[in-house]
Amino acid sequence: MKPFIVGVAGGSASGKTAVCREITKQLGEGNAELVAQKVVIVSLSSFYKTLTSEEQALAAEGNYNFDHPGTAALALCAIRP
């Protein structure tokens, strides 16, 4: 089977992780070892930039927008040879 990429997008708490887990489950039909060889889930949450102390304070107050494109270190997502 030729590899392909499935992108799942949506706002915070919209169910993206649940959808990815269900896709993984359906592909492997309960065979976790088989799924591990077929599926990789890359979460953009793993690529947040380090927050400044001011941004940390805003986040603690619930006033920091983690959905803004500028919050992710997108260069870290790039595949390099």
N, C-alpha and C. Protein backbone atom coordinates (compact mmCIF):
# COMPACT_ATOMS: atom_id res chain seq x y z
N MET A 1 0.85 -1.18 0.00
CA MET A 1 0.00 0.00 0.00
C MET A 1 0.89 1.24 0.00
N LYS A 2 0.57 2.20 -0.84
CA LYS A 2 1.32 3.43 -0.93
C LYS A 2 0.96 4.33 0.26
N PRO A 3 1.96 4.95 0.91
CA PRO A 3 1.68 5.83 2.06
C PRO A 3 0.87 7.05 1.65
N PHE A 4 0.08 7.56 2.57
CA PHE A 4 -0.66 8.79 2.33
C PHE A 4 -0.82 9.52 3.66
N ILE A 5 -1.18 10.79 3.57
CA ILE A 5 -1.34 11.64 4.76
C ILE A 5 -2.80 12.06 4.86
N VAL A 6 -3.32 11.99 6.08
CA VAL A 6 -4.66 12.47 6.38
C VAL A 6 -4.50 13.63 7.35
N GLY A 7 -5.01 14.78 6.99
CA GLY A 7 -4.96 15.94 7.88
C GLY A 7 -6.28 16.11 8.60
N VAL A 8 -6.22 16.35 9.89
CA VAL A 8 -7.43 16.57 10.69
C VAL A 8 -7.26 17.94 11.35
N ALA A 9 -8.18 18.84 11.06
CA ALA A 9 -8.07 20.20 11.58
C ALA A 9 -9.35 20.60 12.32
N GLY A 10 -9.19 21.55 13.22
CA GLY A 10 -10.34 22.06 13.96
C GLY A 10 -9.87 22.88 15.14
N GLY A 11 -10.78 23.55 15.76
CA GLY A 11 -10.46 24.39 16.90
C GLY A 11 -10.15 23.58 18.15
N SER A 12 -9.78 24.28 19.19
CA SER A 12 -9.47 23.64 20.47
C SER A 12 -10.68 22.85 20.97
N ALA A 13 -10.41 21.66 21.47
CA ALA A 13 -11.43 20.80 22.06
C ALA A 13 -12.55 20.43 21.08
N SER A 14 -12.22 20.37 19.78
CA SER A 14 -13.24 20.05 18.78
C SER A 14 -13.32 18.56 18.47
N GLY A 15 -12.42 17.76 19.06
CA GLY A 15 -12.49 16.32 18.87
C GLY A 15 -11.48 15.74 17.89
N LYS A 16 -10.46 16.53 17.54
CA LYS A 16 -9.45 16.06 16.58
C LYS A 16 -8.75 14.79 17.06
N THR A 17 -8.35 14.77 18.31
CA THR A 17 -7.65 13.61 18.86
C THR A 17 -8.57 12.40 18.87
N ALA A 18 -9.82 12.59 19.23
CA ALA A 18 -10.78 11.48 19.24
C ALA A 18 -10.97 10.91 17.84
N VAL A 19 -11.02 11.78 16.84
CA VAL A 19 -11.16 11.33 15.45
C VAL A 19 -9.94 10.52 15.04
N CYS A 20 -8.75 11.02 15.36
CA CYS A 20 -7.50 10.31 15.01
C CYS A 20 -7.44 8.95 15.69
N ARG A 21 -7.83 8.90 16.94
CA ARG A 21 -7.83 7.61 17.65
C ARG A 21 -8.82 6.63 17.03
N GLU A 22 -9.96 7.12 16.61
CA GLU A 22 -10.96 6.25 15.98
C GLU A 22 -10.46 5.74 14.62
N ILE A 23 -9.83 6.61 13.86
CA ILE A 23 -9.26 6.18 12.58
C ILE A 23 -8.21 5.09 12.82
N THR A 24 -7.36 5.32 13.80
CA THR A 24 -6.32 4.34 14.14
C THR A 24 -6.95 3.01 14.55
N LYS A 25 -7.97 3.09 15.36
CA LYS A 25 -8.67 1.89 15.82
C LYS A 25 -9.27 1.12 14.65
N GLN A 26 -9.93 1.84 13.76
CA GLN A 26 -10.57 1.20 12.61
C GLN A 26 -9.55 0.57 11.66
N LEU A 27 -8.41 1.21 11.49
CA LEU A 27 -7.38 0.67 10.61
C LEU A 27 -6.77 -0.61 11.15
N GLY A 28 -6.59 -0.65 12.48
CA GLY A 28 -5.93 -1.80 13.07
C GLY A 28 -6.87 -2.86 13.59
N GLU A 29 -8.14 -2.53 13.71
CA GLU A 29 -9.14 -3.46 14.23
C GLU A 29 -8.64 -4.18 15.47
N GLY A 30 -8.07 -3.39 16.41
CA GLY A 30 -7.64 -3.96 17.69
C GLY A 30 -6.23 -4.49 17.73
N ASN A 31 -5.52 -4.53 16.61
CA ASN A 31 -4.15 -5.04 16.60
C ASN A 31 -3.20 -3.86 16.76
N ALA A 32 -2.87 -3.51 18.01
CA ALA A 32 -2.06 -2.33 18.32
C ALA A 32 -0.69 -2.39 17.66
N GLU A 33 -0.09 -3.56 17.59
CA GLU A 33 1.24 -3.69 16.99
C GLU A 33 1.18 -3.36 15.49
N LEU A 34 0.15 -3.83 14.83
CA LEU A 34 -0.03 -3.55 13.40
C LEU A 34 -0.26 -2.06 13.17
N VAL A 35 -1.07 -1.45 14.01
CA VAL A 35 -1.36 -0.02 13.87
C VAL A 35 -0.09 0.80 14.07
N ALA A 36 0.74 0.42 15.02
CA ALA A 36 1.98 1.16 15.28
C ALA A 36 2.89 1.17 14.06
N GLN A 37 2.79 0.17 13.24
CA GLN A 37 3.60 0.10 12.03
C GLN A 37 2.98 0.91 10.89
N LYS A 38 1.71 1.24 10.98
CA LYS A 38 0.99 1.90 9.89
C LYS A 38 0.68 3.37 10.13
N VAL A 39 0.46 3.75 11.38
CA VAL A 39 -0.10 5.07 11.68
C VAL A 39 0.82 5.87 12.60
N VAL A 40 1.01 7.13 12.24
CA VAL A 40 1.73 8.07 13.10
C VAL A 40 0.84 9.29 13.27
N ILE A 41 0.59 9.66 14.50
CA ILE A 41 -0.20 10.86 14.77
C ILE A 41 0.78 11.95 15.21
N VAL A 42 0.80 13.05 14.47
CA VAL A 42 1.65 14.18 14.79
C VAL A 42 0.73 15.32 15.21
N SER A 43 0.81 15.69 16.46
CA SER A 43 -0.05 16.73 16.99
C SER A 43 0.69 18.07 16.97
N LEU A 44 0.06 19.07 16.43
CA LEU A 44 0.66 20.39 16.39
C LEU A 44 0.90 20.92 17.81
N SER A 45 0.16 20.41 18.77
CA SER A 45 0.35 20.81 20.17
C SER A 45 1.77 20.50 20.65
N SER A 46 2.41 19.56 20.00
CA SER A 46 3.79 19.20 20.37
C SER A 46 4.81 20.21 19.86
N PHE A 47 4.35 21.19 19.10
CA PHE A 47 5.27 22.14 18.47
C PHE A 47 5.00 23.59 18.88
N TYR A 48 4.43 23.79 20.08
CA TYR A 48 4.24 25.16 20.56
C TYR A 48 5.59 25.80 20.84
N LYS A 49 5.66 27.10 20.55
CA LYS A 49 6.86 27.86 20.91
C LYS A 49 6.90 28.00 22.43
N THR A 50 8.10 28.19 22.95
CA THR A 50 8.25 28.44 24.39
C THR A 50 7.64 29.80 24.70
N LEU A 51 6.79 29.85 25.70
CA LEU A 51 6.12 31.09 26.05
C LEU A 51 7.03 32.00 26.86
N THR A 52 6.92 33.30 26.61
CA THR A 52 7.61 34.28 27.43
C THR A 52 6.90 34.35 28.78
N SER A 53 7.50 35.02 29.74
CA SER A 53 6.85 35.12 31.05
C SER A 53 5.53 35.87 30.95
N GLU A 54 5.47 36.85 30.07
CA GLU A 54 4.21 37.59 29.86
C GLU A 54 3.14 36.67 29.26
N GLU A 55 3.53 35.85 28.28
CA GLU A 55 2.59 34.92 27.66
C GLU A 55 2.14 33.85 28.65
N GLN A 56 3.06 33.41 29.51
CA GLN A 56 2.71 32.43 30.54
C GLN A 56 1.67 33.00 31.49
N ALA A 57 1.83 34.28 31.85
CA ALA A 57 0.86 34.92 32.74
C ALA A 57 -0.51 35.00 32.07
N LEU A 58 -0.53 35.36 30.78
CA LEU A 58 -1.80 35.41 30.05
C LEU A 58 -2.44 34.02 29.99
N ALA A 59 -1.63 33.00 29.74
CA ALA A 59 -2.14 31.63 29.67
C ALA A 59 -2.73 31.20 31.00
N ALA A 60 -2.06 31.54 32.09
CA ALA A 60 -2.54 31.17 33.42
C ALA A 60 -3.90 31.81 33.72
N GLU A 61 -4.13 32.98 33.13
CA GLU A 61 -5.41 33.68 33.31
C GLU A 61 -6.46 33.22 32.31
N GLY A 62 -6.05 32.35 31.37
CA GLY A 62 -6.98 31.91 30.33
C GLY A 62 -7.13 32.92 29.21
N ASN A 63 -6.16 33.82 29.09
CA ASN A 63 -6.24 34.89 28.09
C ASN A 63 -5.19 34.78 27.00
N TYR A 64 -4.67 33.59 26.76
CA TYR A 64 -3.67 33.39 25.70
C TYR A 64 -4.30 32.52 24.61
N ASN A 65 -4.19 32.94 23.37
CA ASN A 65 -4.80 32.23 22.25
C ASN A 65 -3.84 31.19 21.69
N PHE A 66 -3.96 29.95 22.14
CA PHE A 66 -3.10 28.88 21.65
C PHE A 66 -3.47 28.46 20.22
N ASP A 67 -4.60 28.93 19.69
CA ASP A 67 -5.02 28.59 18.33
C ASP A 67 -4.42 29.54 17.28
N HIS A 68 -3.81 30.62 17.71
CA HIS A 68 -3.22 31.56 16.77
C HIS A 68 -2.03 30.90 16.06
N PRO A 69 -1.93 31.06 14.74
CA PRO A 69 -0.84 30.41 14.00
C PRO A 69 0.56 30.77 14.50
N GLY A 70 0.72 31.93 15.10
CA GLY A 70 2.02 32.35 15.59
C GLY A 70 2.49 31.62 16.84
N THR A 71 1.62 30.78 17.43
CA THR A 71 2.02 30.07 18.65
C THR A 71 2.81 28.81 18.37
N ALA A 72 2.79 28.35 17.13
CA ALA A 72 3.47 27.09 16.79
C ALA A 72 4.82 27.36 16.13
N ALA A 73 5.79 26.55 16.49
CA ALA A 73 7.12 26.61 15.86
C ALA A 73 7.07 25.70 14.64
N LEU A 74 6.45 26.19 13.58
CA LEU A 74 6.18 25.37 12.40
C LEU A 74 7.44 24.84 11.73
N ALA A 75 8.55 25.54 11.88
CA ALA A 75 9.81 25.05 11.27
C ALA A 75 10.20 23.70 11.87
N LEU A 76 9.80 23.44 13.11
CA LEU A 76 10.12 22.15 13.74
C LEU A 76 9.33 21.00 13.12
N CYS A 77 8.24 21.33 12.43
CA CYS A 77 7.41 20.30 11.79
C CYS A 77 7.98 19.84 10.45
N ALA A 78 8.89 20.60 9.90
CA ALA A 78 9.41 20.30 8.57
C ALA A 78 10.24 19.02 8.59
N ILE A 79 10.11 18.23 7.53
CA ILE A 79 10.91 17.02 7.39
C ILE A 79 12.23 17.40 6.76
N ARG A 80 13.30 17.02 7.42
CA ARG A 80 14.62 17.34 6.90
C ARG A 80 15.37 16.07 6.56
N PRO A 81 16.14 16.11 5.47
CA PRO A 81 16.90 14.91 5.08
C PRO A 81 18.02 14.59 6.05
